[in-house]
Amino acid sequence: MTTNDRDNFFLGFVVGALAGVAGFFLTKTKEGREIKDQIFFQWDKIKKKLEEEGLITGQEPSLVDIVNTLKFKITDFVADDSSKKISKNVGKNKRKLATNKNSKSDNKTTLIKKKMFKGI
């Protein structure tokens, strides 16, 4: 693992932890629910003002729609990125097995694994 990978992992871990704490606070605590309600109330007031001034039309998505869309995009991205990493690792493991088949002990191990996982 390179230094850049470790930095990216740490950054992702911290951002994920902060998002989890914020989400928990806003949905599971009384104070958080009150703050969330105030945010949506203020957003509705601002949106009405912007519509009256003609800066936006009434057809823009709501704040809830924007958050849900963002959530789905992040979920899809993470799932897609994970599947790419998994398939990349599977390819690496197949190459390792192919290069290790020369030794007798590796052949025995491979046969044992085949017997253990037969039918799966």
N, C-alpha and C. Protein backbone atom coordinates (compact mmCIF):
# COMPACT_ATOMS: atom_id res chain seq x y z
N MET A 1 0.85 -1.17 0.00
CA MET A 1 0.00 0.00 0.00
C MET A 1 0.90 1.23 0.00
N THR A 2 0.68 2.13 -0.94
CA THR A 2 1.51 3.32 -1.04
C THR A 2 1.04 4.37 -0.04
N THR A 3 1.86 5.38 0.14
CA THR A 3 1.52 6.46 1.06
C THR A 3 0.25 7.17 0.61
N ASN A 4 0.09 7.35 -0.70
CA ASN A 4 -1.10 8.00 -1.24
C ASN A 4 -2.35 7.18 -0.92
N ASP A 5 -2.25 5.86 -1.03
CA ASP A 5 -3.39 4.99 -0.70
C ASP A 5 -3.76 5.12 0.77
N ARG A 6 -2.73 5.15 1.63
CA ARG A 6 -2.99 5.29 3.07
C ARG A 6 -3.63 6.63 3.37
N ASP A 7 -3.15 7.69 2.72
CA ASP A 7 -3.72 9.02 2.93
C ASP A 7 -5.18 9.05 2.48
N ASN A 8 -5.45 8.47 1.32
CA ASN A 8 -6.82 8.43 0.80
C ASN A 8 -7.72 7.61 1.72
N PHE A 9 -7.21 6.49 2.23
CA PHE A 9 -7.99 5.66 3.13
C PHE A 9 -8.32 6.43 4.41
N PHE A 10 -7.30 7.09 4.97
CA PHE A 10 -7.51 7.84 6.20
C PHE A 10 -8.51 8.97 5.99
N LEU A 11 -8.37 9.69 4.88
CA LEU A 11 -9.29 10.78 4.57
C LEU A 11 -10.72 10.25 4.41
N GLY A 12 -10.87 9.14 3.70
CA GLY A 12 -12.19 8.54 3.53
C GLY A 12 -12.77 8.08 4.85
N PHE A 13 -11.92 7.52 5.70
CA PHE A 13 -12.37 7.07 7.01
C PHE A 13 -12.88 8.23 7.85
N VAL A 14 -12.12 9.33 7.87
CA VAL A 14 -12.50 10.50 8.66
C VAL A 14 -13.78 11.13 8.13
N VAL A 15 -13.86 11.30 6.81
CA VAL A 15 -15.07 11.89 6.22
C VAL A 15 -16.29 11.00 6.49
N GLY A 16 -16.11 9.69 6.34
CA GLY A 16 -17.21 8.77 6.62
C GLY A 16 -17.65 8.80 8.06
N ALA A 17 -16.68 8.87 8.97
CA ALA A 17 -17.02 8.93 10.40
C ALA A 17 -17.77 10.22 10.72
N LEU A 18 -17.30 11.34 10.18
CA LEU A 18 -17.98 12.61 10.42
C LEU A 18 -19.40 12.62 9.84
N ALA A 19 -19.54 12.07 8.65
CA ALA A 19 -20.88 12.00 8.04
C ALA A 19 -21.78 11.10 8.86
N GLY A 20 -21.25 10.00 9.37
CA GLY A 20 -22.04 9.10 10.21
C GLY A 20 -22.47 9.76 11.50
N VAL A 21 -21.56 10.48 12.13
CA VAL A 21 -21.89 11.18 13.37
C VAL A 21 -22.96 12.25 13.10
N ALA A 22 -22.78 13.00 12.02
CA ALA A 22 -23.76 14.05 11.68
C ALA A 22 -25.12 13.44 11.37
N GLY A 23 -25.13 12.36 10.61
CA GLY A 23 -26.39 11.70 10.29
C GLY A 23 -27.07 11.15 11.53
N PHE A 24 -26.30 10.54 12.41
CA PHE A 24 -26.87 10.03 13.65
C PHE A 24 -27.44 11.17 14.48
N PHE A 25 -26.67 12.24 14.61
CA PHE A 25 -27.13 13.39 15.40
C PHE A 25 -28.42 13.97 14.85
N LEU A 26 -28.49 14.13 13.52
CA LEU A 26 -29.67 14.77 12.92
C LEU A 26 -30.91 13.88 12.93
N THR A 27 -30.73 12.57 13.01
CA THR A 27 -31.89 11.69 12.94
C THR A 27 -32.27 11.03 14.26
N LYS A 28 -31.32 10.88 15.17
CA LYS A 28 -31.60 10.10 16.38
C LYS A 28 -31.68 10.91 17.67
N THR A 29 -31.28 12.18 17.64
CA THR A 29 -31.37 12.98 18.85
C THR A 29 -32.46 14.03 18.69
N LYS A 30 -33.02 14.43 19.81
CA LYS A 30 -34.08 15.43 19.79
C LYS A 30 -33.56 16.75 19.23
N GLU A 31 -32.38 17.17 19.70
CA GLU A 31 -31.80 18.43 19.23
C GLU A 31 -31.50 18.37 17.73
N GLY A 32 -31.01 17.23 17.28
CA GLY A 32 -30.70 17.06 15.86
C GLY A 32 -31.94 17.15 14.99
N ARG A 33 -33.02 16.52 15.43
CA ARG A 33 -34.27 16.58 14.66
C ARG A 33 -34.79 18.01 14.61
N GLU A 34 -34.65 18.75 15.72
CA GLU A 34 -35.08 20.15 15.72
C GLU A 34 -34.23 20.98 14.75
N ILE A 35 -32.93 20.75 14.74
CA ILE A 35 -32.05 21.48 13.82
C ILE A 35 -32.40 21.12 12.37
N LYS A 36 -32.63 19.83 12.12
CA LYS A 36 -32.99 19.41 10.76
C LYS A 36 -34.30 20.06 10.32
N ASP A 37 -35.28 20.12 11.21
CA ASP A 37 -36.55 20.77 10.89
C ASP A 37 -36.35 22.26 10.60
N GLN A 38 -35.47 22.92 11.38
CA GLN A 38 -35.19 24.33 11.15
C GLN A 38 -34.52 24.56 9.79
N ILE A 39 -33.60 23.65 9.44
CA ILE A 39 -32.91 23.76 8.14
C ILE A 39 -33.93 23.68 7.01
N PHE A 40 -34.83 22.69 7.06
CA PHE A 40 -35.82 22.55 6.00
C PHE A 40 -36.80 23.72 5.99
N PHE A 41 -37.17 24.24 7.17
CA PHE A 41 -38.07 25.38 7.25
C PHE A 41 -37.41 26.61 6.62
N GLN A 42 -36.14 26.86 6.98
CA GLN A 42 -35.41 28.01 6.41
C GLN A 42 -35.23 27.85 4.90
N TRP A 43 -34.96 26.63 4.46
CA TRP A 43 -34.79 26.38 3.02
C TRP A 43 -36.08 26.71 2.27
N ASP A 44 -37.23 26.32 2.84
CA ASP A 44 -38.50 26.62 2.18
C ASP A 44 -38.72 28.13 2.09
N LYS A 45 -38.37 28.88 3.14
CA LYS A 45 -38.52 30.34 3.11
C LYS A 45 -37.60 30.95 2.04
N ILE A 46 -36.36 30.50 2.00
CA ILE A 46 -35.40 31.03 1.01
C ILE A 46 -35.86 30.69 -0.41
N LYS A 47 -36.35 29.46 -0.58
CA LYS A 47 -36.80 29.03 -1.91
C LYS A 47 -37.99 29.88 -2.38
N LYS A 48 -38.94 30.16 -1.49
CA LYS A 48 -40.09 31.01 -1.86
C LYS A 48 -39.63 32.42 -2.25
N LYS A 49 -38.67 32.96 -1.50
CA LYS A 49 -38.14 34.28 -1.82
C LYS A 49 -37.48 34.30 -3.20
N LEU A 50 -36.68 33.26 -3.48
CA LEU A 50 -36.01 33.18 -4.77
C LEU A 50 -37.00 33.02 -5.91
N GLU A 51 -38.09 32.29 -5.67
CA GLU A 51 -39.13 32.14 -6.69
C GLU A 51 -39.83 33.47 -6.94
N GLU A 52 -40.12 34.22 -5.86
CA GLU A 52 -40.78 35.52 -6.00
C GLU A 52 -39.91 36.51 -6.78
N GLU A 53 -38.62 36.45 -6.57
CA GLU A 53 -37.69 37.36 -7.25
C GLU A 53 -37.39 36.90 -8.68
N GLY A 54 -37.85 35.70 -9.04
CA GLY A 54 -37.65 35.19 -10.38
C GLY A 54 -36.27 34.58 -10.62
N LEU A 55 -35.53 34.36 -9.56
CA LEU A 55 -34.20 33.77 -9.72
C LEU A 55 -34.27 32.27 -9.98
N ILE A 56 -35.29 31.63 -9.46
CA ILE A 56 -35.51 30.21 -9.74
C ILE A 56 -36.99 30.02 -10.04
N THR A 57 -37.27 28.93 -10.72
CA THR A 57 -38.67 28.59 -10.97
C THR A 57 -39.08 27.57 -9.92
N GLY A 58 -40.32 27.25 -9.87
CA GLY A 58 -40.82 26.29 -8.89
C GLY A 58 -40.51 24.85 -9.26
N GLN A 59 -39.77 24.65 -10.35
CA GLN A 59 -39.54 23.29 -10.83
C GLN A 59 -38.20 22.70 -10.40
N GLU A 60 -37.41 23.46 -9.64
CA GLU A 60 -36.16 22.92 -9.14
C GLU A 60 -36.45 21.82 -8.12
N PRO A 61 -35.56 20.84 -8.02
CA PRO A 61 -35.79 19.78 -7.04
C PRO A 61 -35.71 20.32 -5.62
N SER A 62 -36.42 19.68 -4.72
CA SER A 62 -36.39 20.10 -3.33
C SER A 62 -35.06 19.69 -2.69
N LEU A 63 -34.81 20.22 -1.52
CA LEU A 63 -33.57 19.88 -0.80
C LEU A 63 -33.52 18.39 -0.49
N VAL A 64 -34.67 17.82 -0.17
CA VAL A 64 -34.73 16.38 0.11
C VAL A 64 -34.36 15.59 -1.13
N ASP A 65 -34.87 16.01 -2.30
CA ASP A 65 -34.54 15.33 -3.55
C ASP A 65 -33.05 15.43 -3.86
N ILE A 66 -32.47 16.59 -3.62
CA ILE A 66 -31.05 16.78 -3.87
C ILE A 66 -30.22 15.87 -2.97
N VAL A 67 -30.56 15.81 -1.69
CA VAL A 67 -29.83 14.96 -0.75
C VAL A 67 -29.98 13.49 -1.13
N ASN A 68 -31.20 13.07 -1.48
CA ASN A 68 -31.42 11.67 -1.87
C ASN A 68 -30.66 11.31 -3.14
N THR A 69 -30.64 12.22 -4.12
CA THR A 69 -29.89 11.97 -5.35
C THR A 69 -28.41 11.84 -5.05
N LEU A 70 -27.90 12.72 -4.22
CA LEU A 70 -26.49 12.66 -3.85
C LEU A 70 -26.18 11.35 -3.13
N LYS A 71 -27.08 10.94 -2.24
CA LYS A 71 -26.88 9.68 -1.51
C LYS A 71 -26.82 8.49 -2.46
N PHE A 72 -27.72 8.45 -3.43
CA PHE A 72 -27.73 7.35 -4.39
C PHE A 72 -26.49 7.36 -5.28
N LYS A 73 -26.05 8.55 -5.68
CA LYS A 73 -24.84 8.63 -6.51
C LYS A 73 -23.62 8.14 -5.75
N ILE A 74 -23.51 8.51 -4.48
CA ILE A 74 -22.39 8.06 -3.66
C ILE A 74 -22.44 6.55 -3.48
N THR A 75 -23.62 6.01 -3.20
CA THR A 75 -23.78 4.57 -3.01
C THR A 75 -23.40 3.82 -4.27
N ASP A 76 -23.86 4.30 -5.42
CA ASP A 76 -23.51 3.65 -6.69
C ASP A 76 -22.02 3.72 -6.97
N PHE A 77 -21.42 4.87 -6.69
CA PHE A 77 -19.99 5.03 -6.92
C PHE A 77 -19.18 4.08 -6.05
N VAL A 78 -19.54 4.01 -4.78
CA VAL A 78 -18.80 3.14 -3.85
C VAL A 78 -18.98 1.69 -4.25
N ALA A 79 -20.19 1.28 -4.62
CA ALA A 79 -20.43 -0.10 -5.03
C ALA A 79 -19.67 -0.42 -6.31
N ASP A 80 -19.67 0.49 -7.26
CA ASP A 80 -18.95 0.28 -8.52
C ASP A 80 -17.45 0.21 -8.29
N ASP A 81 -16.92 1.10 -7.46
CA ASP A 81 -15.49 1.12 -7.17
C ASP A 81 -15.08 -0.15 -6.43
N SER A 82 -15.91 -0.63 -5.52
CA SER A 82 -15.61 -1.85 -4.77
C SER A 82 -15.56 -3.05 -5.70
N SER A 83 -16.51 -3.14 -6.62
CA SER A 83 -16.53 -4.29 -7.52
C SER A 83 -15.31 -4.29 -8.44
N LYS A 84 -14.84 -3.09 -8.84
CA LYS A 84 -13.64 -3.02 -9.67
C LYS A 84 -12.43 -3.52 -8.89
N LYS A 85 -12.32 -3.12 -7.61
CA LYS A 85 -11.19 -3.54 -6.79
C LYS A 85 -11.24 -5.04 -6.55
N ILE A 86 -12.44 -5.58 -6.33
CA ILE A 86 -12.57 -7.01 -6.10
C ILE A 86 -12.16 -7.79 -7.33
N SER A 87 -12.64 -7.38 -8.51
CA SER A 87 -12.29 -8.11 -9.73
C SER A 87 -10.79 -7.97 -10.03
N LYS A 88 -10.20 -6.82 -9.71
CA LYS A 88 -8.77 -6.63 -9.91
C LYS A 88 -7.98 -7.58 -9.00
N ASN A 89 -8.41 -7.72 -7.74
CA ASN A 89 -7.73 -8.61 -6.80
C ASN A 89 -7.89 -10.07 -7.20
N VAL A 90 -9.05 -10.44 -7.74
CA VAL A 90 -9.26 -11.81 -8.20
C VAL A 90 -8.28 -12.13 -9.31
N GLY A 91 -8.09 -11.19 -10.24
CA GLY A 91 -7.14 -11.40 -11.33
C GLY A 91 -5.72 -11.55 -10.82
N LYS A 92 -5.34 -10.76 -9.83
CA LYS A 92 -4.01 -10.88 -9.25
C LYS A 92 -3.83 -12.24 -8.59
N ASN A 93 -4.85 -12.69 -7.86
CA ASN A 93 -4.75 -13.98 -7.18
C ASN A 93 -4.65 -15.13 -8.17
N LYS A 94 -5.35 -15.04 -9.30
CA LYS A 94 -5.26 -16.09 -10.32
C LYS A 94 -3.85 -16.15 -10.89
N ARG A 95 -3.25 -14.98 -11.14
CA ARG A 95 -1.88 -14.95 -11.66
C ARG A 95 -0.90 -15.54 -10.65
N LYS A 96 -1.10 -15.24 -9.38
CA LYS A 96 -0.22 -15.78 -8.35
C LYS A 96 -0.32 -17.30 -8.31
N LEU A 97 -1.56 -17.81 -8.39
CA LEU A 97 -1.74 -19.26 -8.38
C LEU A 97 -1.07 -19.90 -9.60
N ALA A 98 -1.17 -19.24 -10.75
CA ALA A 98 -0.58 -19.79 -11.96
C ALA A 98 0.94 -19.85 -11.86
N THR A 99 1.56 -18.85 -11.24
CA THR A 99 3.02 -18.85 -11.12
C THR A 99 3.50 -19.80 -10.03
N ASN A 100 2.66 -20.08 -9.05
CA ASN A 100 3.06 -20.96 -7.94
C ASN A 100 2.82 -22.43 -8.23
N LYS A 101 2.23 -22.79 -9.33
CA LYS A 101 1.91 -24.18 -9.61
C LYS A 101 3.14 -25.04 -9.86
N ASN A 102 4.29 -24.42 -9.98
CA ASN A 102 5.51 -25.18 -10.28
C ASN A 102 5.98 -26.01 -9.10
N SER A 103 5.76 -25.57 -7.89
CA SER A 103 6.26 -26.32 -6.74
C SER A 103 5.25 -27.39 -6.31
N LYS A 104 5.76 -28.51 -5.79
CA LYS A 104 4.90 -29.64 -5.42
C LYS A 104 4.02 -29.31 -4.22
N SER A 105 4.54 -28.56 -3.26
CA SER A 105 3.74 -28.23 -2.08
C SER A 105 2.56 -27.34 -2.46
N ASP A 106 2.78 -26.44 -3.40
CA ASP A 106 1.68 -25.60 -3.86
C ASP A 106 0.62 -26.41 -4.58
N ASN A 107 1.05 -27.43 -5.33
CA ASN A 107 0.08 -28.29 -6.00
C ASN A 107 -0.77 -29.03 -4.99
N LYS A 108 -0.17 -29.51 -3.90
CA LYS A 108 -0.94 -30.19 -2.86
C LYS A 108 -1.93 -29.24 -2.21
N THR A 109 -1.48 -28.03 -1.93
CA THR A 109 -2.36 -27.03 -1.34
C THR A 109 -3.52 -26.71 -2.26
N THR A 110 -3.23 -26.57 -3.54
CA THR A 110 -4.28 -26.29 -4.52
C THR A 110 -5.29 -27.43 -4.57
N LEU A 111 -4.82 -28.67 -4.54
CA LEU A 111 -5.73 -29.82 -4.55
C LEU A 111 -6.59 -29.85 -3.30
N ILE A 112 -6.01 -29.55 -2.17
CA ILE A 112 -6.78 -29.52 -0.92
C ILE A 112 -7.85 -28.44 -1.00
N LYS A 113 -7.48 -27.26 -1.49
CA LYS A 113 -8.46 -26.18 -1.63
C LYS A 113 -9.58 -26.57 -2.58
N LYS A 114 -9.23 -27.22 -3.68
CA LYS A 114 -10.26 -27.66 -4.63
C LYS A 114 -11.23 -28.63 -3.98
N LYS A 115 -10.70 -29.55 -3.16
CA LYS A 115 -11.57 -30.52 -2.49
C LYS A 115 -12.44 -29.83 -1.45
N MET A 116 -11.88 -28.87 -0.73
CA MET A 116 -12.64 -28.18 0.31
C MET A 116 -13.79 -27.37 -0.28
N PHE A 117 -13.53 -26.73 -1.40
CA PHE A 117 -14.52 -25.81 -1.96
C PHE A 117 -15.28 -26.42 -3.15
N LYS A 118 -15.20 -27.71 -3.31
CA LYS A 118 -15.90 -28.37 -4.40
C LYS A 118 -17.41 -28.20 -4.20
N GLY A 119 -18.09 -27.80 -5.23
CA GLY A 119 -19.54 -27.63 -5.17
C GLY A 119 -19.98 -26.24 -4.75
N ILE A 120 -19.03 -25.38 -4.45
CA ILE A 120 -19.43 -24.02 -4.04
C ILE A 120 -19.48 -23.14 -5.27
